Structure formats: C-alpha cells, structure tokens
C-alpha cells in the first residue's frame, strides 16, 4: 500500500467518524466552515483546523428551543419529536443559505404537527452514498436523537430508499425526507374531493419506487436454512411476491385516481367557461407559501377566505369576484402556494389546478417582505411557474406584502432592489388601494364599441353591459335607452338583436 493511499484512507476515516471534540454549538460567525478547495496550499495547522471544522456537526441556533416549561410538557405528550439533519457543500451555496433551508424545514415540520428538538448541519463535498451523512456522523446523530428523546429524523433533501434505510439502521429511529413532510402537510390540509385525490396521487407516486425500503416485512422470499426458526414450512415462496402485489395495487390506484381527476375536469371547465362566456377578466394570485396571498385577496375583494399563519393553508383554488370603479366585474383566483424544491409529484398532481394561472389575464406575484430571503422565494416561485403553459405571456405585478413587519431600512433596500413593485400590508390595508387601482387599470378592455338604442324592456341586458363592459354614455329618451359602450362580442351580438331600428342622432 502506497503512502498516498494510506493518507487518503486516514482522511476518509476522519471524514466519516469525526474529529475528537468536534461536536459543539455554533456560537458565532467565526465558526464558519472552510472550503475544501485550496487545502493543500495551507500550512499544516490550518489544514488540521479545516478538517476539524469540516467534520463538525453545526447546530442551527434557534430551532428546538422552548422557554416555557409547561409548553414543553404539553408538546411532549401531544407532538412527534424530530431532529432535522442537513448536508451542504461550498459548491452549492453558503452556510447561511443551508441554515435558512433548515429553518424552513422546521416550519414545515411544525405545520405537519411535530416538535423540532434540534437541527444540525454537516459540511461535505457531497452526501455520503450510504448513510447520507457518513457512518461516524450517523452515530453522533443517534446520540443527539437519544438525548432529546426524539422519534423521527427529518432530512433536508430527497433521500433514495437505500440511504433512508441505512440511516434508520444506524440511528434506530424513523427517517423521512423533505418531500414526505410536504406531502403529509398537503394530506392534512386538502378539503375538497379533487384536492384529496390530487394529494393521494402524489403520495402514491412518491411511495411506488420506495416500497423496497419499507423493511423486510414486505419480503416473502425464504427457504431451507434461510428461513430459520422464524420461517420454516409454509414460509418458502416464489420470491418478492408481497412487494410485487403492493406495486400492482398502487399502480391500479394511481390509474384510478388519474381517471377520477380527469372526470372532475368538466366541473372546472363549466366554472371557467362561465367566466369566459361573460368575458370576466381574471387575476391569478401566486406566490410562496405563507406569503399572505389569501389575506391580500380578502383585502382586495372584501371576502373572508380562510387566512391562517401556516404553510399551505390554501390548497384548493378559490375564485373571488370584485367590482372595479367603472362598475365592471372581474375575479381574483387564489392559488396554492409554492415552496423551494416543491416535489415533482405535487406539481404533476396539481397540474389541472395550476392551469387556472395560465388562463388568467394578469398575474399578481405576492412576496413576503419580512422573510430573510424574499428574492430566493421569488426565484423558487418562478421555477415552478416555468412548468405551466401560458404563464410567459401574462403581465406580472410584483407585490411585497407584510410591510408592517419590516423597518424603514429594510423597506428602502427592497425598493432599491425591486423598483416598480408595490409595498402593501394586508393586515393594516397600507398600499392596497393603490394596488387595486393599478390592477384594474391592467384589465383587458372589451374589443367591440357599440352605440345603440335599446328598449326599456332590455333592463337586464343594460345591467350586464354595466357589469361586464365599459359604459361611455347612457341617455334615457322617450323612445328607449341610448347607450354607448365597449363590450365583448357576445354582448355586442345581444345588443344588435334587441336594438331598436330608430336611427341614432
């Protein structure tokens, strides 16, 4: 064995098992991890310090710390206790971004009904192919889990079945990934029949390739001495028949759910067709989850849609009608919120619901101004919007919500970084009137100008013209109602059918 090979193996053992005394609390910014690049150019003591820093599990401050003892005791009885685990590389982002991702995962876990006991980060060039964090760090995490009496480990990534199973074997507790947490939240919040079907479809699509990872209970392959004392006669079979049966059941259920969702499409088309028939302009409200889309829609329309300070509180598309100052009606479409690394299964399952965005006339992008990284949220939303047909043609109004929660310095910085955007507060109403006026000014104008004399018996038609068209002038004469307006083709045809033949002066 060469000297270089021995040196490499020694470094690998340090990486997997951790350096002595490497477990500590991240107290200040001086404890920032060093990059792997350029390590050979540093003196020997700096190389060792970098190895030690790289091998540390960094605790994310502020997660899993409860001050009220009574709340601790209450949650210990009621909530599932979890430890969050993340791996980051200098190639893919900074430590601050990794910590922010873990804080978002903590919010997801709490929304799902769990109590976050601790959160740790590991700096690696890439995740360990076996246990995701390495065998040595897996043992350290097992000690953290035992010290906090935790039930579950949540990994801030999308784990393949082999890594999840290996990490479970090393830590002796259940391991779930970020996708599983998001799917669980969707399952809890879905209320409509279509929403429940979409969530179940996404869950089954997620579960199908991971069946083998759910343990040996799904296996019926045994025989001879392999059966042992627990098997014996009657346990020997043709192979992994139980897994194959479960796969067939899941595939059958997926096909059935897809048919059910397709059968629900006519109901959506009826509602959507009604808006198209009356040429009702629609405004789609999109944004990151918990950015305040529903509360802002309530402010703009005067409705009382569900508002909750929780992630994914709105899953079912809600349409709310509003009246512009000129008397025209238009509609706001409140959509499901997005999140970083939104599972592809959910995007596919909610494709039919997200079609509402592509068929709207204007898109309002709501951003949480109080979030530490609002522009990161904007990028995450735009990534999902790219997958929806028709979005690229829409005019976009960017709105920073929750400005009542930020200071003047933060607001000035956002105004400089995002000129031309609106700053509002759905809680206090600040800036909402200006936003509403701007949106109404962007509504598409009806394309047909009519000037006709209508009989007084056509009052319902005149009412529709006021609601769905732009009325320029109305004059009540002895012979009828002289009307000048801009309307759509449907209303123009009705006006021509009922117009009196008396010439208009």
Protein backbone atom coordinates (compact mmCIF):
# COMPACT_ATOMS: atom_id res chain seq x y z
CA UNK A 1 0.00 0.00 0.00
CA UNK A 2 1.44 3.34 -1.03
CA UNK A 3 1.92 6.31 1.26
CA UNK A 4 -0.63 8.39 -0.67
CA UNK A 5 -3.20 5.59 -0.31
CA UNK A 6 -2.66 5.46 3.47
CA UNK A 7 -3.02 9.24 3.69
CA UNK A 8 -6.27 9.15 1.71
CA UNK A 9 -7.71 6.40 3.93
CA UNK A 10 -6.77 8.36 7.04
CA UNK A 11 -8.58 11.45 5.72
CA UNK A 12 -11.61 9.33 4.84
CA UNK A 13 -11.77 7.88 8.38
CA UNK A 14 -11.64 11.39 9.80
CA UNK A 15 -14.46 12.44 7.49
CA UNK A 16 -16.74 9.52 8.43
CA UNK A 17 -16.01 9.25 12.15
CA UNK A 18 -15.44 12.91 13.07
CA UNK A 19 -12.52 14.53 14.83
CA UNK A 20 -12.26 14.43 18.65
CA UNK A 21 -14.19 17.20 20.27
CA UNK A 22 -15.88 18.15 17.02
CA UNK A 23 -19.38 18.28 18.47
CA UNK A 24 -20.24 21.83 19.54
CA UNK A 25 -22.72 24.66 19.33
CA UNK A 26 -22.41 27.18 16.50
CA UNK A 27 -21.98 30.27 18.63
CA UNK A 28 -20.75 32.97 16.29
CA UNK A 29 -19.78 33.76 12.72
CA UNK A 30 -16.09 32.95 13.41
CA UNK A 31 -17.04 29.24 13.40
CA UNK A 32 -17.70 29.24 9.64
CA UNK A 33 -16.74 26.10 7.72
CA UNK A 34 -13.79 26.33 5.35
CA UNK A 35 -13.94 25.25 1.72
CA UNK A 36 -12.27 22.06 0.53
CA UNK A 37 -10.59 23.88 -2.38
CA UNK A 38 -7.04 25.05 -1.85
CA UNK A 39 -6.47 22.88 1.24
CA UNK A 40 -3.02 21.73 0.05
CA UNK A 41 -1.75 25.30 -0.09
CA UNK A 42 -2.32 25.92 3.64
CA UNK A 43 0.14 25.23 6.49
CA UNK A 44 -0.23 22.01 8.47
CA UNK A 45 -2.04 23.52 11.47
CA UNK A 46 -4.56 25.26 9.20
CA UNK A 47 -5.17 22.00 7.35
CA UNK A 48 -5.99 20.30 10.65
CA UNK A 49 -8.30 23.14 11.72
CA UNK A 50 -10.12 22.90 8.41
CA UNK A 51 -10.53 19.14 8.78
CA UNK A 52 -11.84 19.61 12.30
CA UNK A 53 -14.28 22.32 11.18
CA UNK A 54 -15.42 20.25 8.23
CA UNK A 55 -16.07 17.28 10.49
CA UNK A 56 -18.21 19.20 12.96
CA UNK A 57 -21.99 18.94 13.10
CA UNK A 58 -23.19 22.53 13.22
CA UNK A 59 -26.22 23.13 15.41
CA UNK A 60 -28.61 25.68 13.91
CA UNK A 61 -29.33 28.18 16.67
CA UNK A 62 -32.94 28.99 17.47
CA UNK A 63 -34.54 25.69 16.46
CA UNK A 64 -35.95 23.36 19.07
CA UNK A 65 -35.54 25.81 21.94
CA UNK A 66 -38.70 26.31 24.03
CA UNK A 67 -38.64 28.57 27.04
CA UNK A 68 -41.96 27.76 28.67
CA UNK A 69 -41.64 24.52 30.64
CA UNK A 70 -45.38 23.91 30.59
CA UNK A 71 -45.37 24.14 26.80
CA UNK A 72 -42.54 21.60 26.68
CA UNK A 73 -44.51 19.14 28.81
CA UNK A 74 -47.64 19.70 26.73
CA UNK A 75 -45.86 19.12 23.45
CA UNK A 76 -44.03 16.08 24.79
CA UNK A 77 -47.36 14.35 25.23
CA UNK A 78 -49.01 15.62 22.07
CA UNK A 79 -46.44 16.12 19.31
CA UNK A 80 -43.93 13.97 17.48
CA UNK A 81 -40.39 14.96 18.40
CA UNK A 82 -38.00 15.36 15.46
CA UNK A 83 -34.36 16.18 14.76
CA UNK A 84 -33.52 17.95 11.50
CA UNK A 85 -30.42 16.98 9.50
CA UNK A 86 -28.90 18.77 6.53
CA UNK A 87 -25.78 18.47 4.38
CA UNK A 88 -24.32 21.39 2.47
CA UNK A 89 -21.40 21.93 0.14
CA UNK A 90 -19.48 25.09 -0.68
CA UNK A 91 -20.17 24.32 -4.35
CA UNK A 92 -23.94 24.60 -3.94
CA UNK A 93 -24.36 27.57 -1.62
CA UNK A 94 -23.34 29.20 1.61
CA UNK A 95 -23.81 28.06 5.18
CA UNK A 96 -26.35 30.86 5.69
CA UNK A 97 -28.49 29.51 2.84
CA UNK A 98 -28.24 26.00 4.28
CA UNK A 99 -29.34 27.22 7.72
CA UNK A 100 -32.25 29.13 6.16
CA UNK A 101 -33.33 25.96 4.37
CA UNK A 102 -33.30 24.11 7.69
CA UNK A 103 -35.40 26.85 9.30
CA UNK A 104 -37.93 26.45 6.51
CA UNK A 105 -37.88 22.68 7.09
CA UNK A 106 -38.53 23.37 10.78
CA UNK A 107 -41.60 25.43 9.84
CA UNK A 108 -42.77 22.60 7.60
CA UNK A 109 -42.29 20.07 10.39
CA UNK A 110 -44.23 22.21 12.87
CA UNK A 111 -47.03 22.65 10.35
CA UNK A 112 -47.12 18.87 9.95
CA UNK A 113 -47.59 18.54 13.73
CA UNK A 114 -44.09 17.90 15.08
CA UNK A 115 -41.86 19.49 17.68
CA UNK A 116 -38.34 20.32 16.49
CA UNK A 117 -35.85 19.27 19.17
CA UNK A 118 -32.60 20.05 17.37
CA UNK A 119 -31.20 20.81 13.92
CA UNK A 120 -27.69 20.02 12.70
CA UNK A 121 -25.75 20.71 9.51
CA UNK A 122 -22.77 18.84 8.10
CA UNK A 123 -20.30 20.26 5.59
CA UNK A 124 -19.39 17.64 2.98
CA UNK A 125 -18.17 17.74 -0.60
CA UNK A 126 -21.17 15.55 -1.45
CA UNK A 127 -23.64 13.45 0.61
CA UNK A 128 -22.38 10.04 1.67
CA UNK A 129 -23.77 7.45 -0.78
CA UNK A 130 -24.51 5.00 2.04
CA UNK A 131 -25.92 6.87 5.05
CA UNK A 132 -26.12 10.44 3.60
CA UNK A 133 -24.02 11.84 6.48
CA UNK A 134 -21.34 9.15 6.89
CA UNK A 135 -21.19 6.37 9.45
CA UNK A 136 -19.42 8.44 12.12
CA UNK A 137 -21.87 11.33 11.88
CA UNK A 138 -24.78 8.88 11.87
CA UNK A 139 -23.64 7.68 15.29
CA UNK A 140 -23.38 11.28 16.54
CA UNK A 141 -26.90 12.00 15.27
CA UNK A 142 -28.08 8.84 17.05
CA UNK A 143 -26.70 10.25 20.30
CA UNK A 144 -28.50 13.58 19.67
CA UNK A 145 -31.74 11.69 18.99
CA UNK A 146 -31.35 9.71 22.22
CA UNK A 147 -30.51 12.83 24.26
CA UNK A 148 -33.65 14.60 23.01
CA UNK A 149 -35.89 11.53 23.22
CA UNK A 150 -36.79 12.13 19.57
CA UNK A 151 -38.97 9.86 17.47
CA UNK A 152 -38.02 10.88 13.93
CA UNK A 153 -35.19 12.29 11.85
CA UNK A 154 -36.16 14.63 9.01
CA UNK A 155 -33.53 15.09 6.30
CA UNK A 156 -33.49 18.33 4.32
CA UNK A 157 -33.19 16.54 1.00
CA UNK A 158 -34.88 13.95 -1.19
CA UNK A 159 -33.50 10.64 0.08
CA UNK A 160 -33.31 7.48 -2.03
CA UNK A 161 -34.59 4.34 -0.25
CA UNK A 162 -31.12 2.89 0.34
CA UNK A 163 -29.85 5.96 2.21
CA UNK A 164 -33.03 6.22 4.26
CA UNK A 165 -32.86 2.57 5.27
CA UNK A 166 -29.15 2.75 6.15
CA UNK A 167 -29.66 5.90 8.24
CA UNK A 168 -32.57 4.24 10.04
CA UNK A 169 -30.41 1.21 10.83
CA UNK A 170 -27.67 3.45 12.20
CA UNK A 171 -29.91 5.70 14.34
CA UNK A 172 -32.68 3.21 15.26
CA UNK A 173 -35.47 5.75 14.62
CA UNK A 174 -37.73 6.58 11.69
CA UNK A 175 -36.19 8.71 8.93
CA UNK A 176 -38.24 10.81 6.50
CA UNK A 177 -37.18 13.35 3.89
CA UNK A 178 -38.37 16.83 2.94
CA UNK A 179 -40.73 15.54 0.26
CA UNK A 180 -42.52 13.25 2.71
CA UNK A 181 -43.12 16.17 5.09
CA UNK A 182 -44.61 18.37 2.35
CA UNK A 183 -46.85 15.53 1.18
CA UNK A 184 -48.02 14.99 4.75
CA UNK A 185 -48.96 18.67 5.09
CA UNK A 186 -50.90 18.55 1.83
CA UNK A 187 -52.73 15.45 3.04
CA UNK A 188 -53.77 17.23 6.25
CA UNK A 189 -54.96 20.43 4.53
CA UNK A 190 -56.77 19.02 1.50
CA UNK A 191 -60.53 19.52 1.91
CA UNK A 192 -62.20 19.20 -1.48
CA UNK A 193 -62.71 15.88 -3.26
CA UNK A 194 -60.39 16.92 -6.06
CA UNK A 195 -57.72 18.18 -3.68
CA UNK A 196 -57.72 14.92 -1.73
CA UNK A 197 -57.44 12.91 -4.95
CA UNK A 198 -54.53 15.05 -6.13
CA UNK A 199 -52.67 14.64 -2.84
CA UNK A 200 -53.24 10.87 -2.76
CA UNK A 201 -51.96 10.60 -6.32
CA UNK A 202 -48.79 12.49 -5.38
CA UNK A 203 -48.27 10.30 -2.29
CA UNK A 204 -48.63 7.07 -4.25
CA UNK A 205 -46.25 8.29 -6.95
CA UNK A 206 -43.73 9.09 -4.22
CA UNK A 207 -44.22 5.73 -2.48
CA UNK A 208 -44.07 3.46 -5.53
CA UNK A 209 -40.29 3.49 -6.14
CA UNK A 210 -39.62 3.36 -2.38
CA UNK A 211 -41.53 0.19 -1.48
CA UNK A 212 -38.37 -1.86 -1.14
CA UNK A 213 -37.15 0.48 1.55
CA UNK A 214 -40.02 -0.10 3.93
CA UNK A 215 -38.43 -3.13 5.58
CA UNK A 216 -38.19 -6.89 5.39
CA UNK A 217 -41.85 -7.30 6.31
CA UNK A 218 -42.72 -6.98 2.62
CA UNK A 219 -40.50 -9.92 1.65
CA UNK A 220 -41.70 -13.49 1.34
CA UNK A 221 -38.50 -14.87 -0.09
CA UNK A 222 -37.25 -17.61 2.24
CA UNK A 223 -36.37 -21.24 2.08
CA UNK A 224 -34.27 -24.04 3.59
CA UNK A 225 -31.89 -22.79 6.23
CA UNK A 226 -32.56 -19.19 5.22
CA UNK A 227 -36.00 -19.46 6.79
CA UNK A 228 -34.51 -20.23 10.19
CA UNK A 229 -36.60 -20.68 13.29
CA UNK A 230 -38.91 -17.84 12.30
CA UNK A 231 -39.79 -19.34 8.92
CA UNK A 232 -39.79 -23.00 8.17
CA UNK A 233 -42.56 -24.87 6.41
CA UNK A 234 -45.05 -22.56 4.76
CA UNK A 235 -42.70 -19.60 4.54
CA UNK A 236 -40.97 -20.67 1.32
CA UNK A 237 -42.40 -18.94 -1.74
CA UNK A 238 -41.61 -17.80 -5.27
CA UNK A 239 -39.85 -14.56 -4.23
CA UNK A 240 -40.76 -10.93 -3.51
CA UNK A 241 -44.43 -11.55 -4.19
CA UNK A 242 -45.72 -9.20 -1.48
CA UNK A 243 -43.80 -6.23 -2.91
CA UNK A 244 -44.96 -7.07 -6.40
CA UNK A 245 -48.56 -7.31 -5.22
CA UNK A 246 -48.30 -3.94 -3.46
CA UNK A 247 -46.82 -2.39 -6.58
CA UNK A 248 -49.71 -3.67 -8.65
CA UNK A 249 -52.22 -2.32 -6.13
CA UNK A 250 -50.52 1.09 -6.12
CA UNK A 251 -50.34 1.25 -9.92
CA UNK A 252 -54.01 0.34 -10.15
CA UNK A 253 -54.92 3.00 -7.61
CA UNK A 254 -52.81 5.61 -9.45
CA UNK A 255 -54.60 4.84 -12.70
CA UNK A 256 -57.97 5.10 -10.95
CA UNK A 257 -57.08 8.45 -9.35
CA UNK A 258 -55.95 9.85 -12.68
CA UNK A 259 -59.28 8.86 -14.22
CA UNK A 260 -61.17 10.46 -11.31
CA UNK A 261 -59.20 13.71 -11.63
CA UNK A 262 -59.83 13.71 -15.37
CA UNK A 263 -63.55 13.21 -14.73
CA UNK A 264 -63.52 16.25 -12.43
CA UNK A 265 -62.22 18.41 -15.27
CA UNK A 266 -65.70 19.14 -16.73
CA UNK A 267 -66.79 20.79 -13.46
CA UNK A 268 -63.76 23.10 -13.62
CA UNK A 269 -64.42 23.76 -17.29
CA UNK A 270 -68.03 24.74 -16.51
CA UNK A 271 -66.90 27.34 -13.99
CA UNK A 272 -64.06 28.50 -16.19
CA UNK A 273 -66.36 28.54 -19.23
CA UNK A 274 -68.85 30.71 -17.37
CA UNK A 275 -66.14 33.32 -16.79
CA UNK A 276 -65.07 33.10 -20.43
CA UNK A 277 -68.66 33.36 -21.64
CA UNK A 278 -69.13 36.63 -19.82
CA UNK A 279 -65.56 37.74 -20.69
CA UNK A 280 -64.86 38.12 -16.99
CA UNK A 281 -61.23 39.23 -16.53
CA UNK A 282 -59.33 37.09 -14.02
CA UNK A 283 -56.34 37.95 -11.82
CA UNK A 284 -54.28 34.97 -10.61
CA UNK A 285 -52.63 35.47 -7.21
CA UNK A 286 -49.45 33.41 -6.89
CA UNK A 287 -46.53 33.34 -4.51
CA UNK A 288 -44.54 31.45 -1.92
CA UNK A 289 -46.47 29.61 0.76
CA UNK A 290 -47.49 31.80 3.71
CA UNK A 291 -46.68 34.99 1.78
CA UNK A 292 -50.17 36.34 2.53
CA UNK A 293 -51.97 35.58 -0.74
CA UNK A 294 -55.33 34.75 0.83
CA UNK A 295 -55.27 37.70 3.22
CA UNK A 296 -54.38 40.08 0.38
CA UNK A 297 -57.16 38.62 -1.78
CA UNK A 298 -59.58 39.22 1.09
CA UNK A 299 -58.46 42.86 1.28
CA UNK A 300 -58.84 43.36 -2.45
CA UNK A 301 -62.27 41.70 -2.72
CA UNK A 302 -63.81 42.13 0.73
CA UNK A 303 -64.26 38.36 1.10
CA UNK A 304 -63.48 36.21 4.13
CA UNK A 305 -61.48 33.33 2.68
CA UNK A 306 -59.53 31.17 5.17
CA UNK A 307 -56.47 33.03 6.46
CA UNK A 308 -54.00 31.16 8.65
CA UNK A 309 -50.39 31.78 9.60
CA UNK A 310 -49.34 28.34 8.39
CA UNK A 311 -47.67 26.79 5.40
CA UNK A 312 -50.01 25.51 2.66
CA UNK A 313 -53.18 26.71 4.41
CA UNK A 314 -54.77 27.11 0.96
CA UNK A 315 -54.72 24.07 -1.32
CA UNK A 316 -57.99 24.41 -3.23
CA UNK A 317 -58.24 27.17 -5.80
CA UNK A 318 -60.67 29.89 -4.66
CA UNK A 319 -62.24 32.39 -7.07
CA UNK A 320 -63.50 35.71 -5.63
CA UNK A 321 -65.35 38.35 -7.64
CA UNK A 322 -64.66 42.08 -7.34
CA UNK A 323 -66.10 45.24 -8.93
CA UNK A 324 -63.91 47.90 -10.47
CA UNK A 325 -64.58 51.62 -10.03
CA UNK A 326 -66.09 51.80 -13.51
CA UNK A 327 -68.64 49.16 -12.50
CA UNK A 328 -67.09 46.18 -14.30
CA UNK A 329 -66.77 42.82 -12.57
CA UNK A 330 -63.54 40.85 -12.51
CA UNK A 331 -62.25 37.89 -10.47
CA UNK A 332 -59.27 37.03 -8.31
CA UNK A 333 -58.04 33.40 -8.38
CA UNK A 334 -56.25 32.47 -5.14
CA UNK A 335 -53.89 29.55 -5.86
CA UNK A 336 -51.84 27.07 -3.86
CA UNK A 337 -48.54 28.38 -2.55
CA UNK A 338 -45.14 27.18 -3.72
CA UNK A 339 -42.02 26.24 -1.82
CA UNK A 340 -38.36 25.58 -2.58
CA UNK A 341 -37.80 22.16 -4.08
CA UNK A 342 -41.52 21.54 -4.43
CA UNK A 343 -41.90 17.79 -5.07
CA UNK A 344 -42.37 16.99 -8.73
CA UNK A 345 -45.18 14.62 -7.79
CA UNK A 346 -47.18 17.54 -6.39
CA UNK A 347 -46.55 19.74 -9.42
CA UNK A 348 -47.79 16.95 -11.67
CA UNK A 349 -50.78 16.10 -9.48
CA UNK A 350 -51.87 19.76 -9.18
CA UNK A 351 -51.30 20.46 -12.86
CA UNK A 352 -55.04 20.72 -13.53
CA UNK A 353 -55.46 23.25 -10.73
CA UNK A 354 -52.46 25.31 -11.79
CA UNK A 355 -53.96 25.65 -15.26
CA UNK A 356 -56.04 28.49 -13.81
CA UNK A 357 -52.88 30.61 -13.67
CA UNK A 358 -52.06 30.17 -17.33
CA UNK A 359 -55.58 31.13 -18.42
CA UNK A 360 -55.80 34.34 -16.38
CA UNK A 361 -55.32 37.86 -17.76
CA UNK A 362 -52.96 39.31 -15.11
CA UNK A 363 -50.72 37.61 -12.54
CA UNK A 364 -50.10 39.13 -9.10
CA UNK A 365 -46.93 37.71 -7.51
CA UNK A 366 -47.13 38.14 -3.71
CA UNK A 367 -43.82 38.16 -1.79
CA UNK A 368 -43.28 38.09 1.98
CA UNK A 369 -41.28 41.26 2.61
CA UNK A 370 -40.47 40.15 6.17
CA UNK A 371 -38.75 36.95 5.02
CA UNK A 372 -34.94 36.90 5.33
CA UNK A 373 -34.56 35.91 1.66
CA UNK A 374 -37.52 37.27 -0.34
CA UNK A 375 -35.69 37.14 -3.67
CA UNK A 376 -34.89 33.47 -3.11
CA UNK A 377 -38.63 32.90 -2.72
CA UNK A 378 -39.27 34.79 -5.96
CA UNK A 379 -36.82 32.54 -7.79
CA UNK A 380 -38.42 29.41 -6.32
CA UNK A 381 -41.88 30.50 -7.47
CA UNK A 382 -40.63 31.39 -10.95
CA UNK A 383 -39.08 27.92 -11.30
CA UNK A 384 -42.49 26.31 -10.76
CA UNK A 385 -44.28 28.82 -12.98
CA UNK A 386 -42.00 27.87 -15.88
CA UNK A 387 -43.70 24.46 -15.97
CA UNK A 388 -47.18 25.97 -16.52
CA UNK A 389 -48.34 26.68 -20.05
CA UNK A 390 -49.34 30.25 -20.87
CA UNK A 391 -47.65 31.96 -17.93
CA UNK A 392 -44.90 33.57 -20.01
CA UNK A 393 -47.46 35.76 -21.85
CA UNK A 394 -49.02 37.23 -18.69
CA UNK A 395 -48.27 40.72 -17.36
CA UNK A 396 -46.95 40.41 -13.80
CA UNK A 397 -47.48 42.71 -10.82
CA UNK A 398 -44.98 42.04 -8.02
CA UNK A 399 -46.30 42.87 -4.54
CA UNK A 400 -44.26 42.87 -1.33
CA UNK A 401 -46.72 42.04 1.44
CA UNK A 402 -46.36 42.32 5.25
CA UNK A 403 -44.53 45.66 5.13
CA UNK A 404 -45.90 46.35 8.63
CA UNK A 405 -43.40 43.74 9.87
CA UNK A 406 -40.24 45.37 8.45
CA UNK A 407 -38.32 48.51 9.37
CA UNK A 408 -37.66 51.54 7.20
CA UNK A 409 -34.13 50.44 6.29
CA UNK A 410 -35.28 47.05 5.02
CA UNK A 411 -38.08 48.64 3.04
CA UNK A 412 -35.74 51.15 1.42
CA UNK A 413 -33.36 48.37 0.45
CA UNK A 414 -36.18 46.33 -1.12
CA UNK A 415 -37.45 49.38 -3.01
CA UNK A 416 -33.99 49.91 -4.47
CA UNK A 417 -33.53 46.24 -5.39
CA UNK A 418 -37.04 45.84 -6.85
CA UNK A 419 -38.14 49.12 -8.47
CA UNK A 420 -41.65 49.27 -9.84
CA UNK A 421 -43.09 46.89 -7.25
CA UNK A 422 -45.89 47.56 -4.78
CA UNK A 423 -45.48 47.51 -1.00
CA UNK A 424 -48.64 46.67 0.90
CA UNK A 425 -49.86 45.29 4.19
CA UNK A 426 -52.91 43.07 4.08
CA UNK A 427 -53.13 43.40 7.87
CA UNK A 428 -53.33 47.21 8.02
CA UNK A 429 -54.50 47.95 4.47
CA UNK A 430 -51.48 50.09 3.63
CA UNK A 431 -50.97 50.40 -0.13
CA UNK A 432 -53.93 48.18 -1.02
CA UNK A 433 -55.95 50.96 -2.72
CA UNK A 434 -53.06 51.91 -4.99
CA UNK A 435 -52.50 48.25 -5.86
CA UNK A 436 -56.20 47.74 -6.63
CA UNK A 437 -56.27 50.80 -8.91
CA UNK A 438 -53.18 49.59 -10.76
CA UNK A 439 -54.64 46.10 -11.26
CA UNK A 440 -57.93 47.49 -12.53
CA UNK A 441 -56.02 49.63 -14.99
CA UNK A 442 -54.41 46.49 -16.42
CA UNK A 443 -57.71 44.69 -17.04
CA UNK A 444 -58.22 43.90 -20.73
CA UNK A 445 -60.67 46.29 -22.36
CA UNK A 446 -63.64 44.88 -24.31
CA UNK A 447 -62.89 44.93 -28.02
CA UNK A 448 -66.23 46.00 -29.59
CA UNK A 449 -67.58 49.58 -29.45
CA UNK A 450 -71.37 49.80 -29.77
CA UNK A 451 -73.81 52.67 -29.96
CA UNK A 452 -77.44 51.60 -29.94
CA UNK A 453 -80.94 52.49 -28.78
CA UNK A 454 -82.31 49.78 -26.54
CA UNK A 455 -85.95 49.42 -25.37
CA UNK A 456 -86.75 49.91 -21.71
CA UNK A 457 -87.66 46.22 -21.55
CA UNK A 458 -83.95 45.37 -22.06
CA UNK A 459 -83.04 46.35 -18.49
CA UNK A 460 -81.29 43.03 -17.78
CA UNK A 461 -79.11 43.47 -20.87
CA UNK A 462 -78.19 47.02 -19.79
CA UNK A 463 -77.27 45.60 -16.37
CA UNK A 464 -74.95 43.01 -17.98
CA UNK A 465 -73.35 45.75 -20.06
CA UNK A 466 -72.59 47.71 -16.89
CA UNK A 467 -71.15 44.62 -15.17
CA UNK A 468 -69.04 43.21 -17.98
CA UNK A 469 -68.36 46.19 -20.26
CA UNK A 470 -67.17 49.79 -20.22
CA UNK A 471 -70.11 52.20 -20.44
CA UNK A 472 -69.17 55.54 -22.01
CA UNK A 473 -72.57 57.27 -22.00
CA UNK A 474 -76.20 56.49 -21.19
CA UNK A 475 -79.12 58.70 -22.22
CA UNK A 476 -82.73 57.95 -21.35
CA UNK A 477 -85.05 59.02 -24.14
CA UNK A 478 -88.75 58.72 -24.67
CA UNK A 479 -88.16 56.00 -27.24
CA UNK A 480 -85.58 54.00 -25.25
CA UNK A 481 -82.11 53.95 -23.74
CA UNK A 482 -79.34 55.36 -25.87
CA UNK A 483 -76.16 53.51 -24.93
CA UNK A 484 -72.53 53.92 -25.91
CA UNK A 485 -70.21 51.24 -24.54
CA UNK A 486 -67.28 48.90 -25.16
CA UNK A 487 -68.34 45.26 -24.83
CA UNK A 488 -67.22 41.80 -25.87
CA UNK A 489 -68.52 40.04 -28.96
CA UNK A 490 -71.17 38.09 -27.05
CA UNK A 491 -72.79 41.18 -25.58
CA UNK A 492 -72.41 43.05 -28.89
CA UNK A 493 -74.47 40.34 -30.62
CA UNK A 494 -77.21 40.58 -27.96
CA UNK A 495 -77.28 44.36 -28.27
CA UNK A 496 -77.70 44.14 -32.04
CA UNK A 497 -80.56 41.65 -31.61
CA UNK A 498 -82.52 43.92 -29.22
CA UNK A 499 -81.58 47.33 -30.61
CA UNK A 500 -84.41 49.48 -31.97
CA UNK A 501 -84.31 50.41 -35.62
CA UNK A 502 -84.84 54.11 -34.90
CA UNK A 503 -81.72 55.94 -36.12
CA UNK A 504 -79.42 57.38 -33.51
CA UNK A 505 -78.76 61.15 -33.69
